[in-house]
Amino acid sequence: MKATADNRKIETTDVLVVSGGLAGLAAAVVSATAGAETTLLEQAAVLGGNVTQAYVYSFYGLYQAPSSADLEYTNPGFASWFAMGLARAGGTRVPEVLGRIAVLPIWPPRLAALCRCTVQPLAYRYSCTPVWSGWNRRRSMILL
């Protein structure tokens, strides 16, 4: 961190991720795990995006189109790892086949807790700082 002539602080980071939704969380976790100094910015008070903010109760697209009783993950990366962690934390039920797609029913509060637990060990500074924008008070998380 360095200061400018008018005493504003400028922080530097290898990777800046703007959004603490599931895609942003994936990018930040993979980046930090690979050794990059990573900053994750989120305007909401909790991580997880629409799943935790709007209480979305299922994940679509995790599984290939069901052709048998056995479901296969579409991509064996962060999404499947996170879904398995959510299952271990009691945040999911058994996947459901709905016609030609399979969905994973989830419990949003458990997902929010898993997001927090996934990120905190990677963060050397964790803060939730109020940010004022006009008349609207918003929350912003900065995770480095």
N, C-alpha and C. Protein backbone atom coordinates (compact mmCIF):
# COMPACT_ATOMS: atom_id res chain seq x y z
N MET A 1 0.85 -1.17 0.00
CA MET A 1 0.00 0.00 0.00
C MET A 1 0.89 1.23 0.00
N LYS A 2 0.51 2.24 -0.78
CA LYS A 2 1.25 3.49 -0.79
C LYS A 2 0.27 4.65 -0.77
N ALA A 3 0.77 5.81 -0.38
CA ALA A 3 -0.08 7.00 -0.29
C ALA A 3 0.22 7.94 -1.46
N THR A 4 -0.82 8.62 -1.93
CA THR A 4 -0.64 9.61 -2.99
C THR A 4 -0.37 10.96 -2.34
N ALA A 5 -0.16 11.99 -3.17
CA ALA A 5 0.14 13.33 -2.66
C ALA A 5 -0.99 13.87 -1.78
N ASP A 6 -2.23 13.49 -2.07
CA ASP A 6 -3.34 14.00 -1.25
C ASP A 6 -3.75 12.98 -0.17
N ASN A 7 -2.84 12.09 0.20
CA ASN A 7 -3.01 11.11 1.28
C ASN A 7 -4.07 10.03 1.04
N ARG A 8 -4.48 9.83 -0.20
CA ARG A 8 -5.35 8.69 -0.48
C ARG A 8 -4.47 7.45 -0.54
N LYS A 9 -4.99 6.34 -0.07
CA LYS A 9 -4.23 5.10 -0.08
C LYS A 9 -4.57 4.30 -1.34
N ILE A 10 -3.56 3.77 -1.97
CA ILE A 10 -3.74 2.93 -3.15
C ILE A 10 -3.24 1.54 -2.79
N GLU A 11 -4.11 0.57 -2.92
CA GLU A 11 -3.71 -0.80 -2.65
C GLU A 11 -3.41 -1.50 -3.96
N THR A 12 -2.47 -2.40 -3.91
CA THR A 12 -2.14 -3.19 -5.08
C THR A 12 -2.48 -4.64 -4.79
N THR A 13 -2.81 -5.35 -5.84
CA THR A 13 -3.16 -6.76 -5.72
C THR A 13 -2.86 -7.44 -7.05
N ASP A 14 -2.61 -8.73 -7.02
CA ASP A 14 -2.39 -9.46 -8.27
C ASP A 14 -3.69 -9.67 -9.02
N VAL A 15 -4.75 -10.03 -8.29
CA VAL A 15 -6.05 -10.32 -8.90
C VAL A 15 -7.13 -9.59 -8.13
N LEU A 16 -7.98 -8.86 -8.83
CA LEU A 16 -9.12 -8.18 -8.25
C LEU A 16 -10.39 -8.84 -8.79
N VAL A 17 -11.20 -9.38 -7.89
CA VAL A 17 -12.46 -10.01 -8.27
C VAL A 17 -13.59 -9.14 -7.72
N VAL A 18 -14.45 -8.68 -8.61
CA VAL A 18 -15.56 -7.81 -8.21
C VAL A 18 -16.84 -8.64 -8.29
N SER A 19 -17.30 -9.10 -7.15
CA SER A 19 -18.54 -9.87 -7.00
C SER A 19 -18.24 -11.08 -6.14
N GLY A 20 -19.01 -11.21 -5.09
CA GLY A 20 -18.88 -12.35 -4.20
C GLY A 20 -19.95 -13.40 -4.46
N GLY A 21 -20.51 -13.39 -5.67
CA GLY A 21 -21.42 -14.47 -6.06
C GLY A 21 -20.62 -15.74 -6.25
N LEU A 22 -21.27 -16.78 -6.67
CA LEU A 22 -20.57 -18.06 -6.78
C LEU A 22 -19.46 -18.04 -7.82
N ALA A 23 -19.64 -17.33 -8.94
CA ALA A 23 -18.58 -17.25 -9.94
C ALA A 23 -17.40 -16.44 -9.41
N GLY A 24 -17.69 -15.31 -8.75
CA GLY A 24 -16.63 -14.51 -8.15
C GLY A 24 -15.90 -15.25 -7.05
N LEU A 25 -16.67 -15.98 -6.24
CA LEU A 25 -16.07 -16.78 -5.18
C LEU A 25 -15.13 -17.83 -5.77
N ALA A 26 -15.58 -18.49 -6.83
CA ALA A 26 -14.74 -19.49 -7.49
C ALA A 26 -13.45 -18.86 -8.00
N ALA A 27 -13.57 -17.72 -8.67
CA ALA A 27 -12.38 -17.05 -9.21
C ALA A 27 -11.41 -16.66 -8.09
N ALA A 28 -11.94 -16.11 -7.00
CA ALA A 28 -11.09 -15.67 -5.89
C ALA A 28 -10.41 -16.85 -5.20
N VAL A 29 -11.15 -17.92 -4.95
CA VAL A 29 -10.58 -19.08 -4.25
C VAL A 29 -9.52 -19.74 -5.11
N VAL A 30 -9.79 -19.94 -6.39
CA VAL A 30 -8.81 -20.58 -7.27
C VAL A 30 -7.57 -19.71 -7.40
N SER A 31 -7.76 -18.40 -7.54
CA SER A 31 -6.64 -17.47 -7.66
C SER A 31 -5.78 -17.47 -6.39
N ALA A 32 -6.42 -17.36 -5.24
CA ALA A 32 -5.68 -17.33 -3.97
C ALA A 32 -4.99 -18.66 -3.71
N THR A 33 -5.65 -19.76 -4.04
CA THR A 33 -5.05 -21.08 -3.84
C THR A 33 -3.82 -21.26 -4.72
N ALA A 34 -3.83 -20.63 -5.89
CA ALA A 34 -2.69 -20.71 -6.80
C ALA A 34 -1.54 -19.81 -6.36
N GLY A 35 -1.76 -19.00 -5.31
CA GLY A 35 -0.68 -18.19 -4.78
C GLY A 35 -0.74 -16.72 -5.12
N ALA A 36 -1.76 -16.28 -5.87
CA ALA A 36 -1.87 -14.86 -6.22
C ALA A 36 -2.46 -14.08 -5.05
N GLU A 37 -1.96 -12.86 -4.85
CA GLU A 37 -2.56 -11.98 -3.85
C GLU A 37 -3.89 -11.52 -4.44
N THR A 38 -4.97 -11.91 -3.80
CA THR A 38 -6.31 -11.75 -4.37
C THR A 38 -7.17 -10.86 -3.50
N THR A 39 -7.88 -9.94 -4.14
CA THR A 39 -8.84 -9.09 -3.46
C THR A 39 -10.22 -9.39 -4.01
N LEU A 40 -11.16 -9.65 -3.12
CA LEU A 40 -12.54 -9.93 -3.50
C LEU A 40 -13.42 -8.81 -2.95
N LEU A 41 -14.14 -8.13 -3.82
CA LEU A 41 -15.05 -7.05 -3.41
C LEU A 41 -16.49 -7.52 -3.58
N GLU A 42 -17.30 -7.29 -2.57
CA GLU A 42 -18.72 -7.64 -2.62
C GLU A 42 -19.52 -6.55 -1.95
N GLN A 43 -20.59 -6.08 -2.59
CA GLN A 43 -21.39 -5.00 -2.01
C GLN A 43 -22.36 -5.48 -0.95
N ALA A 44 -22.73 -6.74 -0.95
CA ALA A 44 -23.70 -7.25 0.02
C ALA A 44 -22.99 -7.62 1.32
N ALA A 45 -23.78 -7.82 2.36
CA ALA A 45 -23.23 -8.17 3.66
C ALA A 45 -22.81 -9.64 3.75
N VAL A 46 -23.26 -10.47 2.82
CA VAL A 46 -22.89 -11.89 2.80
C VAL A 46 -22.45 -12.28 1.40
N LEU A 47 -21.63 -13.31 1.33
CA LEU A 47 -21.20 -13.85 0.04
C LEU A 47 -22.26 -14.82 -0.48
N GLY A 48 -22.22 -15.11 -1.77
CA GLY A 48 -23.12 -16.10 -2.34
C GLY A 48 -24.01 -15.57 -3.44
N GLY A 49 -24.03 -14.26 -3.64
CA GLY A 49 -24.81 -13.68 -4.74
C GLY A 49 -26.30 -13.90 -4.61
N ASN A 50 -26.95 -14.14 -5.75
CA ASN A 50 -28.40 -14.31 -5.78
C ASN A 50 -28.88 -15.48 -4.94
N VAL A 51 -28.05 -16.48 -4.79
CA VAL A 51 -28.46 -17.65 -4.01
C VAL A 51 -28.76 -17.23 -2.57
N THR A 52 -27.91 -16.41 -1.99
CA THR A 52 -28.12 -16.00 -0.61
C THR A 52 -28.94 -14.72 -0.48
N GLN A 53 -28.91 -13.86 -1.49
CA GLN A 53 -29.65 -12.60 -1.42
C GLN A 53 -31.12 -12.77 -1.78
N ALA A 54 -31.40 -13.62 -2.77
CA ALA A 54 -32.78 -13.80 -3.24
C ALA A 54 -33.33 -15.18 -2.88
N TYR A 55 -32.59 -15.90 -2.08
CA TYR A 55 -32.99 -17.25 -1.64
C TYR A 55 -33.36 -18.15 -2.82
N VAL A 56 -32.40 -18.33 -3.72
CA VAL A 56 -32.56 -19.28 -4.81
C VAL A 56 -32.32 -20.66 -4.22
N TYR A 57 -33.26 -21.58 -4.41
CA TYR A 57 -33.22 -22.86 -3.72
C TYR A 57 -32.68 -24.02 -4.52
N SER A 58 -32.07 -23.79 -5.68
CA SER A 58 -31.52 -24.94 -6.42
C SER A 58 -30.43 -24.49 -7.38
N PHE A 59 -29.51 -25.41 -7.65
CA PHE A 59 -28.45 -25.21 -8.64
C PHE A 59 -28.82 -25.97 -9.89
N TYR A 60 -28.72 -25.31 -11.03
CA TYR A 60 -28.90 -25.95 -12.32
C TYR A 60 -27.56 -25.98 -13.03
N GLY A 61 -27.35 -26.93 -13.91
CA GLY A 61 -26.14 -26.96 -14.72
C GLY A 61 -24.95 -27.67 -14.10
N LEU A 62 -25.12 -28.22 -12.89
CA LEU A 62 -24.02 -28.97 -12.28
C LEU A 62 -23.81 -30.33 -12.92
N TYR A 63 -24.89 -30.88 -13.42
CA TYR A 63 -24.86 -32.26 -13.91
C TYR A 63 -25.11 -32.32 -15.40
N GLN A 64 -24.52 -33.34 -16.04
CA GLN A 64 -24.81 -33.59 -17.45
C GLN A 64 -26.25 -34.07 -17.56
N ALA A 65 -26.82 -33.97 -18.75
CA ALA A 65 -28.20 -34.42 -18.95
C ALA A 65 -28.30 -35.87 -18.49
N PRO A 66 -29.26 -36.17 -17.62
CA PRO A 66 -29.36 -37.52 -17.07
C PRO A 66 -29.76 -38.54 -18.14
N SER A 67 -28.92 -39.55 -18.29
CA SER A 67 -29.23 -40.63 -19.24
C SER A 67 -29.41 -41.94 -18.49
N SER A 68 -29.08 -41.94 -17.21
CA SER A 68 -29.26 -43.13 -16.37
C SER A 68 -29.52 -42.65 -14.95
N ALA A 69 -29.54 -43.58 -14.03
CA ALA A 69 -29.77 -43.23 -12.63
C ALA A 69 -28.57 -42.50 -12.02
N ASP A 70 -27.38 -42.70 -12.59
CA ASP A 70 -26.17 -42.07 -12.08
C ASP A 70 -25.97 -40.70 -12.74
N LEU A 71 -25.79 -39.67 -11.91
CA LEU A 71 -25.55 -38.33 -12.43
C LEU A 71 -24.06 -38.05 -12.43
N GLU A 72 -23.60 -37.38 -13.48
CA GLU A 72 -22.19 -37.00 -13.59
C GLU A 72 -22.10 -35.47 -13.60
N TYR A 73 -21.09 -34.95 -12.89
CA TYR A 73 -20.87 -33.52 -12.90
C TYR A 73 -20.46 -33.08 -14.30
N THR A 74 -20.93 -31.90 -14.69
CA THR A 74 -20.57 -31.35 -16.00
C THR A 74 -19.09 -31.03 -16.04
N ASN A 75 -18.57 -30.41 -14.98
CA ASN A 75 -17.15 -30.06 -14.89
C ASN A 75 -16.62 -30.46 -13.52
N PRO A 76 -15.56 -31.23 -13.49
CA PRO A 76 -15.01 -31.66 -12.19
C PRO A 76 -14.07 -30.62 -11.59
N GLY A 77 -14.55 -29.42 -11.38
CA GLY A 77 -13.72 -28.35 -10.83
C GLY A 77 -14.32 -27.78 -9.57
N PHE A 78 -14.24 -26.45 -9.45
CA PHE A 78 -14.71 -25.76 -8.25
C PHE A 78 -16.17 -26.05 -7.96
N ALA A 79 -17.03 -26.03 -8.99
CA ALA A 79 -18.48 -26.21 -8.76
C ALA A 79 -18.79 -27.56 -8.13
N SER A 80 -18.19 -28.62 -8.62
CA SER A 80 -18.45 -29.94 -8.04
C SER A 80 -17.85 -30.04 -6.63
N TRP A 81 -16.67 -29.47 -6.44
CA TRP A 81 -16.03 -29.47 -5.11
C TRP A 81 -16.91 -28.72 -4.11
N PHE A 82 -17.43 -27.56 -4.54
CA PHE A 82 -18.26 -26.74 -3.66
C PHE A 82 -19.58 -27.45 -3.35
N ALA A 83 -20.19 -28.08 -4.36
CA ALA A 83 -21.45 -28.82 -4.16
C ALA A 83 -21.26 -29.97 -3.18
N MET A 84 -20.13 -30.67 -3.28
CA MET A 84 -19.87 -31.77 -2.34
C MET A 84 -19.66 -31.23 -0.93
N GLY A 85 -18.98 -30.08 -0.80
CA GLY A 85 -18.80 -29.45 0.51
C GLY A 85 -20.12 -29.00 1.10
N LEU A 86 -21.00 -28.49 0.26
CA LEU A 86 -22.32 -28.07 0.71
C LEU A 86 -23.13 -29.27 1.18
N ALA A 87 -23.00 -30.40 0.49
CA ALA A 87 -23.69 -31.63 0.91
C ALA A 87 -23.17 -32.08 2.28
N ARG A 88 -21.84 -32.05 2.47
CA ARG A 88 -21.25 -32.45 3.76
C ARG A 88 -21.71 -31.52 4.89
N ALA A 89 -21.98 -30.26 4.56
CA ALA A 89 -22.42 -29.28 5.56
C ALA A 89 -23.93 -29.34 5.82
N GLY A 90 -24.62 -30.26 5.16
CA GLY A 90 -26.06 -30.38 5.35
C GLY A 90 -26.87 -29.33 4.62
N GLY A 91 -26.30 -28.75 3.57
CA GLY A 91 -26.98 -27.68 2.85
C GLY A 91 -27.66 -28.11 1.57
N THR A 92 -27.69 -29.41 1.28
CA THR A 92 -28.35 -29.89 0.06
C THR A 92 -29.20 -31.11 0.37
N ARG A 93 -30.04 -31.42 -0.60
CA ARG A 93 -30.75 -32.69 -0.58
C ARG A 93 -30.24 -33.52 -1.75
N VAL A 94 -30.84 -34.64 -1.98
CA VAL A 94 -30.47 -35.50 -3.10
C VAL A 94 -30.84 -34.77 -4.41
N PRO A 95 -29.97 -34.83 -5.43
CA PRO A 95 -30.32 -34.19 -6.71
C PRO A 95 -31.64 -34.74 -7.25
N GLU A 96 -32.39 -33.86 -7.90
CA GLU A 96 -33.68 -34.24 -8.46
C GLU A 96 -33.62 -34.14 -9.98
N VAL A 97 -34.17 -35.14 -10.65
CA VAL A 97 -34.26 -35.12 -12.11
C VAL A 97 -35.62 -34.55 -12.47
N LEU A 98 -35.59 -33.48 -13.25
CA LEU A 98 -36.81 -32.82 -13.70
C LEU A 98 -36.81 -32.84 -15.23
N GLY A 99 -37.39 -33.86 -15.80
CA GLY A 99 -37.39 -34.00 -17.25
C GLY A 99 -35.99 -34.30 -17.75
N ARG A 100 -35.44 -33.39 -18.56
CA ARG A 100 -34.11 -33.62 -19.14
C ARG A 100 -32.98 -32.95 -18.37
N ILE A 101 -33.27 -32.39 -17.20
CA ILE A 101 -32.21 -31.76 -16.40
C ILE A 101 -32.23 -32.31 -14.98
N ALA A 102 -31.11 -32.17 -14.32
CA ALA A 102 -31.01 -32.54 -12.90
C ALA A 102 -30.67 -31.27 -12.13
N VAL A 103 -31.31 -31.07 -11.00
CA VAL A 103 -31.06 -29.90 -10.16
C VAL A 103 -30.63 -30.35 -8.77
N LEU A 104 -29.91 -29.50 -8.11
CA LEU A 104 -29.47 -29.77 -6.74
C LEU A 104 -30.20 -28.82 -5.80
N PRO A 105 -31.19 -29.32 -5.04
CA PRO A 105 -31.88 -28.45 -4.07
C PRO A 105 -30.92 -28.06 -2.95
N ILE A 106 -30.92 -26.78 -2.60
CA ILE A 106 -29.99 -26.28 -1.58
C ILE A 106 -30.73 -25.46 -0.53
N TRP A 107 -30.05 -25.20 0.57
CA TRP A 107 -30.56 -24.35 1.64
C TRP A 107 -29.67 -23.12 1.69
N PRO A 108 -30.14 -21.94 1.24
CA PRO A 108 -29.30 -20.74 1.14
C PRO A 108 -28.53 -20.33 2.40
N PRO A 109 -29.10 -20.42 3.63
CA PRO A 109 -28.28 -20.03 4.79
C PRO A 109 -27.03 -20.91 4.97
N ARG A 110 -27.14 -22.19 4.67
CA ARG A 110 -25.96 -23.06 4.75
C ARG A 110 -24.95 -22.70 3.67
N LEU A 111 -25.44 -22.31 2.50
CA LEU A 111 -24.54 -21.91 1.43
C LEU A 111 -23.78 -20.65 1.83
N ALA A 112 -24.46 -19.68 2.45
CA ALA A 112 -23.79 -18.46 2.90
C ALA A 112 -22.70 -18.78 3.91
N ALA A 113 -22.98 -19.70 4.83
CA ALA A 113 -21.99 -20.10 5.82
C ALA A 113 -20.80 -20.79 5.16
N LEU A 114 -21.06 -21.64 4.16
CA LEU A 114 -19.97 -22.33 3.47
C LEU A 114 -19.11 -21.33 2.69
N CYS A 115 -19.74 -20.33 2.07
CA CYS A 115 -18.97 -19.29 1.37
C CYS A 115 -18.02 -18.60 2.34
N ARG A 116 -18.53 -18.22 3.49
CA ARG A 116 -17.71 -17.54 4.50
C ARG A 116 -16.57 -18.44 4.97
N CYS A 117 -16.87 -19.71 5.23
CA CYS A 117 -15.84 -20.64 5.71
C CYS A 117 -14.82 -20.98 4.64
N THR A 118 -15.22 -20.91 3.38
CA THR A 118 -14.30 -21.19 2.28
C THR A 118 -13.30 -20.06 2.11
N VAL A 119 -13.75 -18.83 2.29
CA VAL A 119 -12.91 -17.66 2.02
C VAL A 119 -12.04 -17.27 3.20
N GLN A 120 -12.56 -17.34 4.42
CA GLN A 120 -11.83 -16.82 5.58
C GLN A 120 -10.43 -17.41 5.76
N PRO A 121 -10.21 -18.72 5.59
CA PRO A 121 -8.84 -19.23 5.77
C PRO A 121 -7.86 -18.67 4.75
N LEU A 122 -8.35 -18.22 3.59
CA LEU A 122 -7.47 -17.68 2.56
C LEU A 122 -7.18 -16.20 2.77
N ALA A 123 -7.95 -15.55 3.63
CA ALA A 123 -7.85 -14.10 3.80
C ALA A 123 -6.89 -13.75 4.91
N TYR A 124 -5.96 -12.84 4.64
CA TYR A 124 -5.12 -12.35 5.73
C TYR A 124 -5.72 -11.07 6.30
N ARG A 125 -6.65 -10.46 5.62
CA ARG A 125 -7.40 -9.35 6.18
C ARG A 125 -8.85 -9.51 5.73
N TYR A 126 -9.74 -9.55 6.67
CA TYR A 126 -11.16 -9.72 6.38
C TYR A 126 -11.89 -8.56 7.00
N SER A 127 -12.55 -7.75 6.19
CA SER A 127 -13.27 -6.62 6.76
C SER A 127 -14.58 -6.42 6.01
N CYS A 128 -15.55 -5.92 6.70
CA CYS A 128 -16.83 -5.58 6.11
C CYS A 128 -17.03 -4.10 6.41
N THR A 129 -16.81 -3.27 5.43
CA THR A 129 -16.77 -1.83 5.63
C THR A 129 -17.96 -1.16 4.97
N PRO A 130 -18.69 -0.29 5.68
CA PRO A 130 -19.79 0.44 5.03
C PRO A 130 -19.25 1.40 3.96
N VAL A 131 -19.92 1.43 2.85
CA VAL A 131 -19.56 2.35 1.77
C VAL A 131 -20.79 3.19 1.48
N TRP A 132 -20.60 4.50 1.43
CA TRP A 132 -21.73 5.40 1.18
C TRP A 132 -21.75 5.78 -0.28
N SER A 133 -22.91 5.65 -0.91
CA SER A 133 -23.07 6.01 -2.32
C SER A 133 -24.35 6.84 -2.42
N GLY A 134 -24.20 8.17 -2.50
CA GLY A 134 -25.38 9.04 -2.51
C GLY A 134 -26.14 8.87 -1.21
N TRP A 135 -27.43 8.61 -1.30
CA TRP A 135 -28.26 8.44 -0.12
C TRP A 135 -28.35 6.99 0.30
N ASN A 136 -27.81 6.10 -0.49
CA ASN A 136 -27.93 4.67 -0.20
C ASN A 136 -26.70 4.15 0.54
N ARG A 137 -26.93 3.50 1.64
CA ARG A 137 -25.82 2.88 2.37
C ARG A 137 -25.68 1.46 1.85
N ARG A 138 -24.48 1.10 1.45
CA ARG A 138 -24.22 -0.23 0.93
C ARG A 138 -23.09 -0.85 1.73
N ARG A 139 -23.01 -2.16 1.69
CA ARG A 139 -21.94 -2.87 2.40
C ARG A 139 -20.94 -3.38 1.37
N SER A 140 -19.70 -3.40 1.74
CA SER A 140 -18.66 -3.88 0.85
C SER A 140 -17.68 -4.74 1.62
N MET A 141 -17.47 -5.94 1.17
CA MET A 141 -16.48 -6.81 1.81
C MET A 141 -15.19 -6.75 0.99
N ILE A 142 -14.10 -6.65 1.68
CA ILE A 142 -12.80 -6.65 1.02
C ILE A 142 -12.02 -7.80 1.62
N LEU A 143 -11.70 -8.76 0.81
CA LEU A 143 -10.96 -9.92 1.28
C LEU A 143 -9.64 -9.98 0.53
N LEU A 144 -8.54 -9.97 1.26
CA LEU A 144 -7.22 -10.06 0.62
C LEU A 144 -6.54 -11.33 1.01
